[in-house]
């Protein structure tokens, strides 16, 4: 396996998860309105 590929997700998992959750939340709120 590529170490770089394992290193990047290991360093930025919270940021990706938070941004994804915020994005989904915004879309959900906009559609509900």
C-alpha atoms as a PDB file:
ATOM      1  CA  UNK A   1       0.000   0.000   0.000  1.00  0.00           C
ATOM      2  CA  UNK A   2       1.104   3.585  -0.560  1.00  0.00           C
ATOM      3  CA  UNK A   3       2.214   5.251   2.704  1.00  0.00           C
ATOM      4  CA  UNK A   4       1.290   8.699   1.402  1.00  0.00           C
ATOM      5  CA  UNK A   5      -2.290   7.622   0.795  1.00  0.00           C
ATOM      6  CA  UNK A   6      -2.463   6.336   4.357  1.00  0.00           C
ATOM      7  CA  UNK A   7      -0.805   9.460   5.747  1.00  0.00           C
ATOM      8  CA  UNK A   8      -3.102  12.043   4.156  1.00  0.00           C
ATOM      9  CA  UNK A   9      -6.417  10.604   5.441  1.00  0.00           C
ATOM     10  CA  UNK A  10      -4.738  10.051   8.794  1.00  0.00           C
ATOM     11  CA  UNK A  11      -3.947  13.760   9.026  1.00  0.00           C
ATOM     12  CA  UNK A  12      -7.192  15.219   7.687  1.00  0.00           C
ATOM     13  CA  UNK A  13     -10.064  12.936   8.725  1.00  0.00           C
ATOM     14  CA  UNK A  14     -11.792  15.396  11.076  1.00  0.00           C
ATOM     15  CA  UNK A  15     -11.686  18.256   8.577  1.00  0.00           C
ATOM     16  CA  UNK A  16     -13.137  16.112   5.800  1.00  0.00           C
ATOM     17  CA  UNK A  17     -15.848  14.707   8.053  1.00  0.00           C
ATOM     18  CA  UNK A  18     -16.816  18.117   9.453  1.00  0.00           C
ATOM     19  CA  UNK A  19     -16.910  19.752   6.024  1.00  0.00           C
ATOM     20  CA  UNK A  20     -18.983  16.878   4.652  1.00  0.00           C
ATOM     21  CA  UNK A  21     -21.441  17.079   7.552  1.00  0.00           C
ATOM     22  CA  UNK A  22     -21.773  20.856   7.196  1.00  0.00           C
ATOM     23  CA  UNK A  23     -22.305  20.544   3.453  1.00  0.00           C
ATOM     24  CA  UNK A  24     -25.023  17.919   3.918  1.00  0.00           C
ATOM     25  CA  UNK A  25     -26.632  19.960   6.678  1.00  0.00           C
ATOM     26  CA  UNK A  26     -26.785  23.071   4.496  1.00  0.00           C
ATOM     27  CA  UNK A  27     -28.320  21.174   1.582  1.00  0.00           C
ATOM     28  CA  UNK A  28     -30.864  19.532   3.881  1.00  0.00           C
ATOM     29  CA  UNK A  29     -31.875  22.881   5.394  1.00  0.00           C
ATOM     30  CA  UNK A  30     -32.144  24.537   1.986  1.00  0.00           C
ATOM     31  CA  UNK A  31     -34.306  21.718   0.641  1.00  0.00           C
ATOM     32  CA  UNK A  32     -36.521  21.743   3.721  1.00  0.00           C
ATOM     33  CA  UNK A  33     -37.176  25.483   3.453  1.00  0.00           C
END
